[in-house]
């Protein structure tokens, strides 16, 4: 059994994009919590389990400069307006604002 990574309750703005053959889904929400392996965020859309998703989390000035966390992952759960995403790849970038 895999040990669960510590989760940090962080509420930050997030934009998401789900690519699909029928067009795709774009939206915005807020993070609920984040760990080394995943992120849980509020979503206005039903995002199916197994869908590839890209997230951009606005980390604000807490890291010393405006910073965005870019995440690529897979939806592993969608329940009660929140989507859990397993992180496959991530990168911190300075925002362009």
N, C-alpha and C. Protein backbone atom coordinates (compact mmCIF):
# COMPACT_ATOMS: atom_id res chain seq x y z
N UNK A 1 0.83 -1.18 0.00
CA UNK A 1 0.00 0.00 0.00
C UNK A 1 0.88 1.25 0.00
N UNK A 2 0.54 2.23 -0.84
CA UNK A 2 1.30 3.46 -0.95
C UNK A 2 0.92 4.41 0.19
N UNK A 3 1.94 4.96 0.83
CA UNK A 3 1.68 5.92 1.91
C UNK A 3 1.16 7.22 1.33
N UNK A 4 0.18 7.81 1.98
CA UNK A 4 -0.46 9.04 1.52
C UNK A 4 0.43 10.23 1.83
N UNK A 5 0.61 11.11 0.84
CA UNK A 5 1.40 12.33 1.02
C UNK A 5 0.64 13.31 1.91
N UNK A 6 1.37 14.10 2.72
CA UNK A 6 0.69 15.11 3.52
C UNK A 6 -0.06 16.10 2.63
N UNK A 7 -1.27 16.46 3.03
CA UNK A 7 -2.08 17.41 2.28
C UNK A 7 -2.06 18.75 2.99
N UNK A 8 -1.97 19.80 2.19
CA UNK A 8 -1.96 21.16 2.72
C UNK A 8 -3.20 21.87 2.23
N UNK A 9 -3.99 22.37 3.18
CA UNK A 9 -5.20 23.10 2.82
C UNK A 9 -4.81 24.48 2.32
N UNK A 10 -4.89 24.65 1.01
CA UNK A 10 -4.51 25.89 0.35
C UNK A 10 -5.64 26.28 -0.58
N UNK A 11 -6.18 27.47 -0.38
CA UNK A 11 -7.25 27.97 -1.23
C UNK A 11 -6.68 29.04 -2.16
N UNK A 12 -6.44 28.66 -3.40
CA UNK A 12 -5.87 29.56 -4.41
C UNK A 12 -6.70 29.47 -5.68
N UNK A 13 -6.74 30.57 -6.45
CA UNK A 13 -7.44 30.52 -7.74
C UNK A 13 -6.78 29.52 -8.69
N UNK A 14 -7.62 28.79 -9.42
CA UNK A 14 -7.11 27.82 -10.39
C UNK A 14 -7.93 27.93 -11.67
N UNK A 15 -7.24 27.82 -12.79
CA UNK A 15 -7.89 27.70 -14.09
C UNK A 15 -7.57 26.30 -14.60
N UNK A 16 -8.55 25.68 -15.25
CA UNK A 16 -8.33 24.33 -15.73
C UNK A 16 -8.78 24.17 -17.16
N UNK A 17 -8.18 23.19 -17.82
CA UNK A 17 -8.51 22.88 -19.21
C UNK A 17 -8.46 21.36 -19.38
N UNK A 18 -9.56 20.81 -19.88
CA UNK A 18 -9.65 19.38 -20.17
C UNK A 18 -9.78 19.25 -21.68
N UNK A 19 -8.83 18.57 -22.29
CA UNK A 19 -8.90 18.36 -23.73
C UNK A 19 -9.78 17.16 -24.01
N UNK A 20 -10.59 17.29 -25.07
CA UNK A 20 -11.50 16.21 -25.44
C UNK A 20 -11.72 16.26 -26.94
N UNK A 21 -12.04 15.12 -27.52
CA UNK A 21 -12.28 15.07 -28.96
C UNK A 21 -13.50 15.90 -29.34
N UNK A 22 -14.42 16.10 -28.43
CA UNK A 22 -15.62 16.88 -28.71
C UNK A 22 -15.44 18.36 -28.42
N UNK A 23 -14.23 18.82 -28.20
CA UNK A 23 -13.97 20.23 -27.94
C UNK A 23 -13.12 20.43 -26.71
N UNK A 24 -13.67 20.19 -25.55
CA UNK A 24 -12.91 20.38 -24.32
C UNK A 24 -13.70 21.20 -23.33
N UNK A 25 -13.16 21.28 -22.14
CA UNK A 25 -13.79 22.01 -21.05
C UNK A 25 -12.78 22.99 -20.49
N UNK A 26 -13.20 24.23 -20.28
CA UNK A 26 -12.37 25.22 -19.60
C UNK A 26 -13.18 25.80 -18.46
N UNK A 27 -12.50 26.12 -17.38
CA UNK A 27 -13.19 26.72 -16.26
C UNK A 27 -12.23 27.26 -15.23
N UNK A 28 -12.82 27.77 -14.16
CA UNK A 28 -12.03 28.33 -13.07
C UNK A 28 -12.66 27.90 -11.76
N UNK A 29 -11.84 27.84 -10.74
CA UNK A 29 -12.31 27.46 -9.41
C UNK A 29 -11.26 27.83 -8.38
N UNK A 30 -11.23 27.08 -7.29
CA UNK A 30 -10.26 27.30 -6.22
C UNK A 30 -9.75 25.95 -5.75
N UNK A 31 -8.49 25.92 -5.34
CA UNK A 31 -7.96 24.70 -4.76
C UNK A 31 -8.57 24.49 -3.38
N UNK A 32 -8.68 23.24 -2.99
CA UNK A 32 -9.13 22.87 -1.65
C UNK A 32 -7.92 22.42 -0.84
N UNK A 33 -7.14 21.51 -1.44
CA UNK A 33 -5.88 21.08 -0.83
C UNK A 33 -4.94 20.59 -1.90
N UNK A 34 -3.68 20.47 -1.51
CA UNK A 34 -2.66 20.04 -2.47
C UNK A 34 -1.62 19.21 -1.72
N UNK A 35 -1.07 18.23 -2.42
CA UNK A 35 0.01 17.42 -1.88
C UNK A 35 1.05 17.23 -2.97
N UNK A 36 2.05 16.49 -2.66
CA UNK A 36 3.12 16.22 -3.63
C UNK A 36 2.59 15.41 -4.81
N UNK A 37 1.55 14.62 -4.57
CA UNK A 37 1.04 13.71 -5.60
C UNK A 37 -0.27 14.13 -6.23
N UNK A 38 -0.98 15.10 -5.62
CA UNK A 38 -2.28 15.44 -6.17
C UNK A 38 -2.82 16.76 -5.69
N UNK A 39 -3.90 17.16 -6.31
CA UNK A 39 -4.58 18.40 -5.94
C UNK A 39 -6.10 18.16 -6.00
N UNK A 40 -6.80 18.77 -5.05
CA UNK A 40 -8.26 18.74 -5.03
C UNK A 40 -8.72 20.17 -5.25
N UNK A 41 -9.61 20.36 -6.24
CA UNK A 41 -10.07 21.71 -6.51
C UNK A 41 -11.57 21.72 -6.79
N UNK A 42 -12.18 22.88 -6.53
CA UNK A 42 -13.60 23.07 -6.82
C UNK A 42 -13.77 23.29 -8.31
N UNK A 43 -14.78 22.64 -8.88
CA UNK A 43 -15.02 22.73 -10.33
C UNK A 43 -16.48 23.00 -10.59
N UNK A 44 -16.74 23.78 -11.61
CA UNK A 44 -18.12 24.03 -12.03
C UNK A 44 -18.58 23.02 -13.07
N UNK A 45 -17.70 22.09 -13.45
CA UNK A 45 -18.02 21.08 -14.46
C UNK A 45 -17.86 19.67 -13.90
N UNK A 46 -18.60 18.75 -14.49
CA UNK A 46 -18.39 17.33 -14.22
C UNK A 46 -17.23 16.88 -15.11
N UNK A 47 -16.15 16.47 -14.50
CA UNK A 47 -14.97 16.02 -15.24
C UNK A 47 -14.81 14.53 -14.99
N UNK A 48 -14.88 13.75 -16.05
CA UNK A 48 -14.85 12.30 -15.93
C UNK A 48 -13.52 11.77 -15.44
N UNK A 49 -13.60 10.70 -14.66
CA UNK A 49 -12.41 10.01 -14.18
C UNK A 49 -11.62 9.51 -15.38
N UNK A 50 -10.32 9.70 -15.33
CA UNK A 50 -9.44 9.28 -16.42
C UNK A 50 -9.15 10.38 -17.42
N UNK A 51 -9.86 11.50 -17.34
CA UNK A 51 -9.63 12.61 -18.28
C UNK A 51 -8.32 13.32 -17.93
N UNK A 52 -7.56 13.66 -18.98
CA UNK A 52 -6.34 14.46 -18.80
C UNK A 52 -6.73 15.90 -18.56
N UNK A 53 -6.04 16.53 -17.62
CA UNK A 53 -6.40 17.89 -17.24
C UNK A 53 -5.14 18.71 -17.00
N UNK A 54 -5.21 19.97 -17.39
CA UNK A 54 -4.13 20.92 -17.14
C UNK A 54 -4.66 21.99 -16.19
N UNK A 55 -3.89 22.28 -15.15
CA UNK A 55 -4.27 23.28 -14.16
C UNK A 55 -3.22 24.37 -14.10
N UNK A 56 -3.65 25.59 -13.86
CA UNK A 56 -2.74 26.69 -13.57
C UNK A 56 -3.21 27.29 -12.25
N UNK A 57 -2.39 27.13 -11.21
CA UNK A 57 -2.73 27.62 -9.88
C UNK A 57 -1.97 28.92 -9.65
N UNK A 58 -2.69 29.99 -9.34
CA UNK A 58 -2.07 31.28 -9.05
C UNK A 58 -1.59 31.26 -7.61
N UNK A 59 -0.28 31.14 -7.41
CA UNK A 59 0.28 31.05 -6.07
C UNK A 59 0.47 32.42 -5.42
N UNK A 60 0.20 33.50 -6.15
CA UNK A 60 0.29 34.84 -5.57
C UNK A 60 1.70 35.23 -5.18
N UNK A 61 1.80 36.13 -4.22
CA UNK A 61 3.10 36.66 -3.81
C UNK A 61 3.73 35.91 -2.64
N UNK A 62 3.14 34.82 -2.22
CA UNK A 62 3.64 34.11 -1.06
C UNK A 62 5.01 33.48 -1.28
N UNK A 63 5.42 33.33 -2.52
CA UNK A 63 6.71 32.72 -2.80
C UNK A 63 7.75 33.77 -3.18
N UNK A 64 7.48 35.04 -2.89
CA UNK A 64 8.45 36.09 -3.14
C UNK A 64 8.21 36.85 -4.43
N UNK A 65 7.47 36.29 -5.36
CA UNK A 65 7.15 36.95 -6.63
C UNK A 65 5.88 36.30 -7.17
N UNK A 66 5.15 37.01 -8.04
CA UNK A 66 3.97 36.37 -8.64
C UNK A 66 4.38 35.08 -9.35
N UNK A 67 3.79 33.97 -8.93
CA UNK A 67 4.19 32.66 -9.42
C UNK A 67 2.96 31.83 -9.74
N UNK A 68 3.08 31.04 -10.80
CA UNK A 68 2.02 30.12 -11.18
C UNK A 68 2.55 28.69 -11.13
N UNK A 69 1.72 27.79 -10.65
CA UNK A 69 2.04 26.37 -10.63
C UNK A 69 1.26 25.72 -11.77
N UNK A 70 1.99 25.22 -12.77
CA UNK A 70 1.38 24.55 -13.93
C UNK A 70 1.42 23.05 -13.67
N UNK A 71 0.25 22.41 -13.74
CA UNK A 71 0.12 20.99 -13.42
C UNK A 71 -0.52 20.27 -14.59
N UNK A 72 0.04 19.12 -14.93
CA UNK A 72 -0.59 18.19 -15.87
C UNK A 72 -0.91 16.93 -15.08
N UNK A 73 -2.14 16.45 -15.23
CA UNK A 73 -2.52 15.27 -14.47
C UNK A 73 -3.72 14.58 -15.04
N UNK A 74 -4.27 13.69 -14.22
CA UNK A 74 -5.42 12.88 -14.61
C UNK A 74 -6.46 12.95 -13.49
N UNK A 75 -7.71 13.18 -13.87
CA UNK A 75 -8.79 13.20 -12.88
C UNK A 75 -8.98 11.80 -12.33
N UNK A 76 -8.97 11.69 -11.00
CA UNK A 76 -9.14 10.37 -10.36
C UNK A 76 -10.44 10.29 -9.56
N UNK A 77 -11.08 11.44 -9.30
CA UNK A 77 -12.35 11.45 -8.57
C UNK A 77 -13.06 12.76 -8.84
N UNK A 78 -14.39 12.71 -8.93
CA UNK A 78 -15.22 13.89 -9.10
C UNK A 78 -16.43 13.70 -8.20
N UNK A 79 -16.52 14.53 -7.16
CA UNK A 79 -17.60 14.33 -6.20
C UNK A 79 -17.98 15.65 -5.55
N UNK A 80 -19.27 15.93 -5.53
CA UNK A 80 -19.81 17.11 -4.83
C UNK A 80 -19.13 18.41 -5.24
N UNK A 81 -18.90 18.58 -6.55
CA UNK A 81 -18.33 19.83 -7.06
C UNK A 81 -16.84 19.97 -6.88
N UNK A 82 -16.15 18.89 -6.53
CA UNK A 82 -14.70 18.92 -6.38
C UNK A 82 -14.08 17.80 -7.21
N UNK A 83 -12.93 18.10 -7.81
CA UNK A 83 -12.22 17.14 -8.65
C UNK A 83 -10.85 16.86 -8.04
N UNK A 84 -10.53 15.58 -7.89
CA UNK A 84 -9.20 15.18 -7.42
C UNK A 84 -8.37 14.82 -8.65
N UNK A 85 -7.16 15.34 -8.70
CA UNK A 85 -6.27 15.14 -9.84
C UNK A 85 -4.96 14.53 -9.35
N UNK A 86 -4.55 13.42 -9.97
CA UNK A 86 -3.23 12.84 -9.71
C UNK A 86 -2.24 13.62 -10.57
N UNK A 87 -1.21 14.18 -9.95
CA UNK A 87 -0.21 14.98 -10.67
C UNK A 87 0.76 14.06 -11.40
N UNK A 88 0.90 14.31 -12.70
CA UNK A 88 1.87 13.58 -13.52
C UNK A 88 3.13 14.42 -13.75
N UNK A 89 2.93 15.74 -13.90
CA UNK A 89 4.04 16.65 -14.17
C UNK A 89 3.66 18.03 -13.66
N UNK A 90 4.64 18.78 -13.16
CA UNK A 90 4.36 20.15 -12.72
C UNK A 90 5.59 21.03 -12.93
N UNK A 91 5.33 22.34 -12.96
CA UNK A 91 6.41 23.32 -13.14
C UNK A 91 5.98 24.63 -12.53
N UNK A 92 6.87 25.27 -11.80
CA UNK A 92 6.63 26.63 -11.29
C UNK A 92 7.12 27.62 -12.33
N UNK A 93 6.31 28.64 -12.60
CA UNK A 93 6.69 29.68 -13.57
C UNK A 93 6.34 31.04 -13.01
N UNK A 94 7.18 32.03 -13.32
CA UNK A 94 6.85 33.42 -12.97
C UNK A 94 5.68 33.84 -13.84
N UNK A 95 4.69 34.47 -13.23
CA UNK A 95 3.53 34.92 -14.03
C UNK A 95 3.92 36.11 -14.86
N UNK A 96 3.16 36.36 -15.92
CA UNK A 96 3.48 37.43 -16.87
C UNK A 96 2.81 38.75 -16.52
N UNK A 97 2.22 38.86 -15.36
CA UNK A 97 1.53 40.10 -14.99
C UNK A 97 2.47 41.18 -14.60
